[in-house]
Amino acid sequence: MTHAEIGITAELVRDLLRDQHPDLADRPVRLGARGWDNQLWRLGDDLAVRLPWATQAADALLRKEHAWLPALAPHLPLQIPVPQRLSPPSERFPRPWLVTTWVPGEPADRAPVTRAAEAADTLAAFLTALHQPAPSGAPVSDYGRGGPLADRAEGFAQQLASATEMGLIPDPDAVRAAWEDAAAAPEWTGPALWLHGDLHPANILTADGTFCGVIDFGALCAGDPACDLAAPWTLLPDGAADRFYRAYQPAPDAATLRRARGWAVLRALGGILIGEAGVHGRPGGKPGWGPPAHAALRRLIATI
């Protein structure tokens, strides 16, 4: 069941709480956000209800967050949403849903960082803490995140062709050159590390000009850290990526930095298509995604 077949309202959330978590049912309920896969309804000041609404895959993603995030959260220097209760499907709502902690802050696509040096250091500290060897049972991405960059060649070609046809890319040959350099880099041979897997500007929160939290771990997986190390190109202002890479530990080697640039090219193309053309997203696109994606492509092209 998707959002086309079921409407999620404050009344529904209250009814679900009365049915399954009556001790929380008297808390105020208000809409927090409508995301890619889930809706988030605030539950008082410190909790939230996270319900799948737009994709069938969201059910498994919620269960994954419930299984892994409570163990990861204590080791991370930024706040993340920590699932408190996993609620089973019911007659009232035929999909699983979560009660989780609420992370305060504004998404970076609406409130970009202004304190570049502090933000670079904060992001580096977060990813240094997260990028630890994952256990053997850790999830593997269904979308190739954390896997060989070369496996994404077809997706890159499709994204570049679409953006070029729409007139959104001023120099597609330069974008292709940046991608080809990254795709030719040696593959990751280290251990599979924990990855967020989806560090775009809507999934990291800001306050007072720097990062304060990271949300939406539905893409959590294990693999090559280059996937996450693409994030500075779209999340940080001009010139701050170098500071991030100096602060991140252990220092990434040249091949990892090249692969990170390839993942950043993919992320930037996706941000442009979603932000300006509404491709794969909500009607009308996400206007806050376009500017950082264009800035990232400009910076990436300049590195070749």
Protein backbone atom coordinates (compact mmCIF):
# COMPACT_ATOMS: atom_id res chain seq x y z
CA MET A 1 0.00 0.00 0.00
CA THR A 2 1.39 3.44 -0.96
CA HIS A 3 0.29 7.02 -0.48
CA ALA A 4 -2.09 6.60 -3.40
CA GLU A 5 -4.14 4.11 -1.37
CA ILE A 6 -3.92 5.34 2.22
CA GLY A 7 -4.00 8.81 3.72
CA ILE A 8 -1.89 9.48 6.80
CA THR A 9 -3.38 12.07 9.13
CA ALA A 10 -2.83 13.20 12.70
CA GLU A 11 -6.02 11.33 13.62
CA LEU A 12 -4.63 8.10 12.17
CA VAL A 13 -1.36 8.54 14.07
CA ARG A 14 -3.26 9.09 17.32
CA ASP A 15 -5.39 6.00 16.69
CA LEU A 16 -2.30 3.89 16.03
CA LEU A 17 -0.72 5.10 19.25
CA ARG A 18 -3.87 4.33 21.23
CA ASP A 19 -3.92 0.82 19.74
CA GLN A 20 -0.25 -0.09 20.17
CA HIS A 21 1.43 2.46 22.47
CA PRO A 22 -1.26 3.88 24.78
CA ASP A 23 1.35 5.35 27.11
CA LEU A 24 2.32 7.75 24.29
CA ALA A 25 -1.17 8.51 22.97
CA ASP A 26 -1.70 11.71 24.98
CA ARG A 27 1.33 13.46 23.49
CA PRO A 28 0.72 16.23 20.91
CA VAL A 29 0.93 15.02 17.29
CA ARG A 30 1.88 17.26 14.37
CA LEU A 31 3.39 16.73 10.93
CA GLY A 32 7.19 16.91 10.92
CA ALA A 33 8.11 16.09 7.31
CA ARG A 34 7.11 14.09 4.23
CA GLY A 35 10.21 12.31 2.99
CA TRP A 36 11.10 10.11 0.06
CA ASP A 37 9.80 6.87 1.59
CA ASN A 38 8.24 7.89 4.90
CA GLN A 39 6.23 10.50 6.69
CA LEU A 40 7.46 11.80 10.04
CA TRP A 41 4.97 13.00 12.63
CA ARG A 42 6.30 14.70 15.71
CA LEU A 43 5.24 13.17 19.01
CA GLY A 44 5.71 15.75 21.71
CA ASP A 45 9.10 17.44 21.78
CA ASP A 46 11.51 14.50 21.71
CA LEU A 47 9.88 11.66 19.76
CA ALA A 48 8.46 11.07 16.29
CA VAL A 49 6.32 8.50 14.48
CA ARG A 50 7.84 7.33 11.19
CA LEU A 51 5.39 5.70 8.79
CA PRO A 52 6.05 4.34 5.27
CA TRP A 53 3.93 5.98 2.62
CA ALA A 54 5.47 6.25 -0.86
CA THR A 55 7.35 3.04 -1.68
CA GLN A 56 7.01 -0.62 -0.89
CA ALA A 57 10.71 -0.77 -0.01
CA ALA A 58 10.17 1.50 2.99
CA ASP A 59 8.98 -1.39 5.18
CA ALA A 60 12.32 -3.18 5.04
CA LEU A 61 14.20 0.09 5.52
CA LEU A 62 12.37 0.82 8.76
CA ARG A 63 13.11 -2.65 10.09
CA LYS A 64 16.78 -2.17 9.17
CA GLU A 65 16.94 1.12 11.08
CA HIS A 66 15.32 -0.50 14.11
CA ALA A 67 17.83 -3.37 14.01
CA TRP A 68 21.06 -1.36 13.68
CA LEU A 69 20.75 2.30 14.71
CA PRO A 70 20.45 1.81 18.49
CA ALA A 71 23.89 0.17 18.52
CA LEU A 72 25.51 2.75 16.23
CA ALA A 73 24.10 5.93 17.80
CA PRO A 74 26.19 5.98 21.01
CA HIS A 75 29.42 6.04 19.00
CA LEU A 76 28.50 8.97 16.73
CA PRO A 77 29.27 12.63 17.49
CA LEU A 78 26.09 13.97 15.87
CA GLN A 79 22.52 13.19 16.83
CA ILE A 80 20.73 10.60 14.73
CA PRO A 81 17.16 9.26 15.05
CA VAL A 82 17.19 6.27 17.38
CA PRO A 83 14.25 3.86 16.96
CA GLN A 84 12.49 3.17 20.26
CA ARG A 85 9.67 0.86 19.21
CA LEU A 86 8.87 -1.12 16.06
CA SER A 87 5.13 -1.44 15.54
CA PRO A 88 3.73 -4.35 13.48
CA PRO A 89 1.17 -4.01 10.70
CA SER A 90 -2.43 -3.93 11.82
CA GLU A 91 -5.93 -3.69 10.38
CA ARG A 92 -5.81 0.06 10.86
CA PHE A 93 -2.43 0.48 9.11
CA PRO A 94 -1.15 -2.57 7.17
CA ARG A 95 2.55 -1.68 7.27
CA PRO A 96 5.20 -1.58 10.03
CA TRP A 97 6.05 1.79 11.57
CA LEU A 98 8.46 3.23 14.13
CA VAL A 99 8.48 5.40 17.18
CA THR A 100 11.88 7.10 17.10
CA THR A 101 13.71 10.00 18.67
CA TRP A 102 13.31 13.43 17.07
CA VAL A 103 16.49 15.17 15.87
CA PRO A 104 16.21 18.98 15.92
CA GLY A 105 17.63 21.12 13.13
CA GLU A 106 16.90 22.33 9.61
CA PRO A 107 17.72 20.25 6.49
CA ALA A 108 20.80 21.57 4.73
CA ASP A 109 18.90 21.97 1.46
CA ARG A 110 16.86 24.65 3.23
CA ALA A 111 19.54 26.01 5.56
CA PRO A 112 23.03 25.50 4.06
CA VAL A 113 26.04 25.74 6.32
CA THR A 114 27.66 29.16 6.71
CA ARG A 115 30.53 28.21 9.05
CA ALA A 116 32.47 26.22 6.49
CA ALA A 117 35.52 25.22 8.52
CA GLU A 118 33.51 24.04 11.51
CA ALA A 119 31.07 22.18 9.26
CA ALA A 120 33.94 20.41 7.45
CA ASP A 121 35.45 19.29 10.75
CA THR A 122 32.07 18.19 12.10
CA LEU A 123 31.24 16.13 9.02
CA ALA A 124 34.71 14.56 9.05
CA ALA A 125 34.33 13.59 12.72
CA PHE A 126 30.93 12.04 12.05
CA LEU A 127 32.11 9.93 9.10
CA THR A 128 35.35 8.97 10.86
CA ALA A 129 33.22 7.59 13.71
CA LEU A 130 30.69 5.89 11.43
CA HIS A 131 33.17 4.32 9.00
CA GLN A 132 34.13 1.36 11.15
CA PRO A 133 34.27 -2.28 9.98
CA ALA A 134 30.75 -3.65 9.84
CA PRO A 135 29.82 -7.11 11.15
CA SER A 136 29.32 -9.97 8.73
CA GLY A 137 25.53 -9.66 8.92
CA ALA A 138 25.45 -5.97 8.01
CA PRO A 139 23.13 -5.02 5.14
CA VAL A 140 24.36 -4.64 1.59
CA SER A 141 22.82 -1.93 -0.57
CA ASP A 142 20.19 -2.97 -3.11
CA TYR A 143 21.24 0.03 -5.21
CA GLY A 144 24.98 -0.59 -5.44
CA ARG A 145 25.98 2.02 -2.87
CA GLY A 146 29.26 1.02 -1.36
CA GLY A 147 29.96 -1.31 -4.27
CA PRO A 148 32.22 -0.87 -7.31
CA LEU A 149 31.75 2.50 -8.95
CA ALA A 150 32.01 0.90 -12.39
CA ASP A 151 28.70 -0.86 -11.71
CA ARG A 152 27.00 2.54 -11.88
CA ALA A 153 28.20 3.35 -15.40
CA GLU A 154 24.81 2.77 -17.01
CA GLY A 155 23.07 4.91 -14.43
CA PHE A 156 25.58 7.69 -14.94
CA ALA A 157 25.08 7.61 -18.72
CA GLN A 158 21.30 7.78 -18.34
CA GLN A 159 21.44 10.65 -15.87
CA LEU A 160 23.90 12.65 -17.96
CA ALA A 161 21.84 12.09 -21.12
CA SER A 162 18.63 13.21 -19.39
CA ALA A 163 20.22 16.31 -17.87
CA THR A 164 21.87 17.21 -21.18
CA GLU A 165 18.65 16.81 -23.17
CA MET A 166 16.88 19.11 -20.70
CA GLY A 167 19.60 21.73 -21.08
CA LEU A 168 20.60 21.48 -17.42
CA ILE A 169 24.31 20.73 -17.95
CA PRO A 170 26.44 23.40 -19.66
CA ASP A 171 29.48 21.16 -20.31
CA PRO A 172 28.52 17.46 -20.49
CA ASP A 173 31.93 16.49 -21.92
CA ALA A 174 33.66 17.83 -18.80
CA VAL A 175 31.21 15.95 -16.57
CA ARG A 176 31.90 12.76 -18.51
CA ALA A 177 35.65 13.26 -18.13
CA ALA A 178 35.29 13.66 -14.36
CA TRP A 179 33.26 10.46 -14.20
CA GLU A 180 35.62 8.45 -16.40
CA ASP A 181 38.62 9.43 -14.28
CA ALA A 182 36.78 8.26 -11.13
CA ALA A 183 35.51 5.04 -12.69
CA ALA A 184 39.07 4.12 -13.74
CA ALA A 185 40.36 4.29 -10.15
CA PRO A 186 41.32 1.01 -8.41
CA GLU A 187 38.49 -0.61 -6.44
CA TRP A 188 38.26 -0.66 -2.65
CA THR A 189 40.13 -3.61 -1.12
CA GLY A 190 39.66 -2.80 2.54
CA PRO A 191 37.01 -4.15 4.93
CA ALA A 192 33.35 -3.34 4.38
CA LEU A 193 32.72 -0.22 6.48
CA TRP A 194 29.45 1.10 7.85
CA LEU A 195 27.99 3.72 5.46
CA HIS A 196 25.08 6.10 5.69
CA GLY A 197 24.65 5.64 1.95
CA ASP A 198 22.45 8.67 1.26
CA LEU A 199 24.17 11.85 2.45
CA HIS A 200 22.38 14.42 0.32
CA PRO A 201 21.49 17.89 1.65
CA ALA A 202 18.00 16.89 2.83
CA ASN A 203 19.42 14.16 5.09
CA ILE A 204 21.80 16.25 7.18
CA LEU A 205 20.59 18.94 9.59
CA THR A 206 22.06 22.31 10.45
CA ALA A 207 21.86 24.79 13.31
CA ASP A 208 23.85 27.98 13.88
CA GLY A 209 25.59 27.60 10.53
CA THR A 210 27.02 24.11 10.97
CA PHE A 211 25.88 20.48 11.02
CA CYS A 212 23.97 19.25 14.06
CA GLY A 213 22.39 15.94 13.06
CA VAL A 214 22.05 13.24 10.40
CA ILE A 215 18.74 11.59 9.52
CA ASP A 216 17.20 8.94 7.25
CA PHE A 217 19.38 5.87 7.54
CA GLY A 218 17.18 3.83 5.20
CA ALA A 219 20.18 3.34 2.87
CA LEU A 220 22.45 2.15 5.72
CA CYS A 221 24.83 -0.48 4.35
CA ALA A 222 28.40 -1.75 4.43
CA GLY A 223 31.01 -1.24 1.73
CA ASP A 224 33.46 1.22 0.14
CA PRO A 225 33.61 4.51 2.11
CA ALA A 226 33.99 6.49 -1.14
CA CYS A 227 30.18 6.47 -1.40
CA ASP A 228 29.90 8.64 1.74
CA LEU A 229 33.13 10.55 1.09
CA ALA A 230 31.37 12.15 -1.87
CA ALA A 231 29.28 14.19 0.56
CA PRO A 232 31.61 17.21 1.04
CA TRP A 233 31.21 18.19 -2.60
CA THR A 234 27.50 18.90 -2.22
CA LEU A 235 27.24 19.68 1.51
CA LEU A 236 30.09 22.16 1.97
CA PRO A 237 30.83 25.59 0.47
CA ASP A 238 33.66 26.28 -1.97
CA GLY A 239 37.08 25.34 -0.65
CA ALA A 240 35.87 23.35 2.37
CA ALA A 241 36.16 19.86 0.87
CA ASP A 242 39.96 19.92 1.21
CA ARG A 243 39.64 20.69 4.92
CA PHE A 244 37.20 17.80 5.31
CA TYR A 245 39.60 15.33 3.71
CA ARG A 246 42.45 16.52 5.94
CA ALA A 247 40.29 16.01 9.05
CA TYR A 248 38.81 12.62 8.10
CA GLN A 249 40.73 9.65 9.49
CA PRO A 250 42.37 7.53 8.33
CA ALA A 251 43.36 9.81 5.47
CA PRO A 252 41.83 8.44 2.25
CA ASP A 253 44.26 7.32 -0.44
CA ALA A 254 44.30 8.76 -3.95
CA ALA A 255 42.12 5.98 -5.41
CA THR A 256 39.44 6.47 -2.76
CA LEU A 257 39.41 10.21 -3.40
CA ARG A 258 38.94 9.57 -7.12
CA ARG A 259 36.06 7.16 -6.49
CA ALA A 260 34.51 9.69 -4.10
CA ARG A 261 34.53 12.24 -6.92
CA GLY A 262 32.66 9.74 -9.10
CA TRP A 263 30.00 9.21 -6.45
CA ALA A 264 29.80 12.99 -6.10
CA VAL A 265 29.18 13.33 -9.85
CA LEU A 266 26.31 10.84 -9.58
CA ARG A 267 24.90 12.65 -6.54
CA ALA A 268 25.14 16.03 -8.29
CA LEU A 269 23.41 14.81 -11.44
CA GLY A 270 20.66 13.27 -9.36
CA GLY A 271 20.27 16.48 -7.38
CA ILE A 272 19.94 18.53 -10.55
CA LEU A 273 17.38 16.18 -12.10
CA ILE A 274 15.31 15.95 -8.92
CA GLY A 275 15.71 19.58 -7.96
CA GLU A 276 15.02 21.20 -11.30
CA ALA A 277 13.10 18.65 -13.33
CA GLY A 278 11.23 16.70 -10.66
CA VAL A 279 12.63 13.43 -12.05
CA HIS A 280 12.08 10.50 -9.67
CA GLY A 281 10.68 12.92 -7.11
CA ARG A 282 7.58 14.76 -6.07
CA PRO A 283 5.83 16.90 -8.73
CA GLY A 284 7.54 20.25 -9.07
CA GLY A 285 10.91 18.98 -7.95
CA LYS A 286 12.88 20.06 -4.88
CA PRO A 287 14.17 23.58 -5.57
CA GLY A 288 16.74 23.48 -2.76
CA TRP A 289 18.59 20.57 -4.39
CA GLY A 290 19.62 22.30 -7.62
CA PRO A 291 22.08 24.99 -6.45
CA PRO A 292 24.36 22.75 -4.33
CA ALA A 293 24.33 20.11 -7.08
CA HIS A 294 25.41 22.62 -9.73
CA ALA A 295 28.10 23.97 -7.39
CA ALA A 296 29.38 20.45 -6.80
CA LEU A 297 29.63 19.72 -10.54
CA ARG A 298 31.51 22.96 -11.09
CA ARG A 299 34.01 22.06 -8.37
CA LEU A 300 34.37 18.47 -9.58
CA ILE A 301 35.06 19.48 -13.16
CA ALA A 302 37.77 21.83 -11.91
CA THR A 303 39.66 18.91 -10.34
CA ILE A 304 40.29 17.15 -13.66
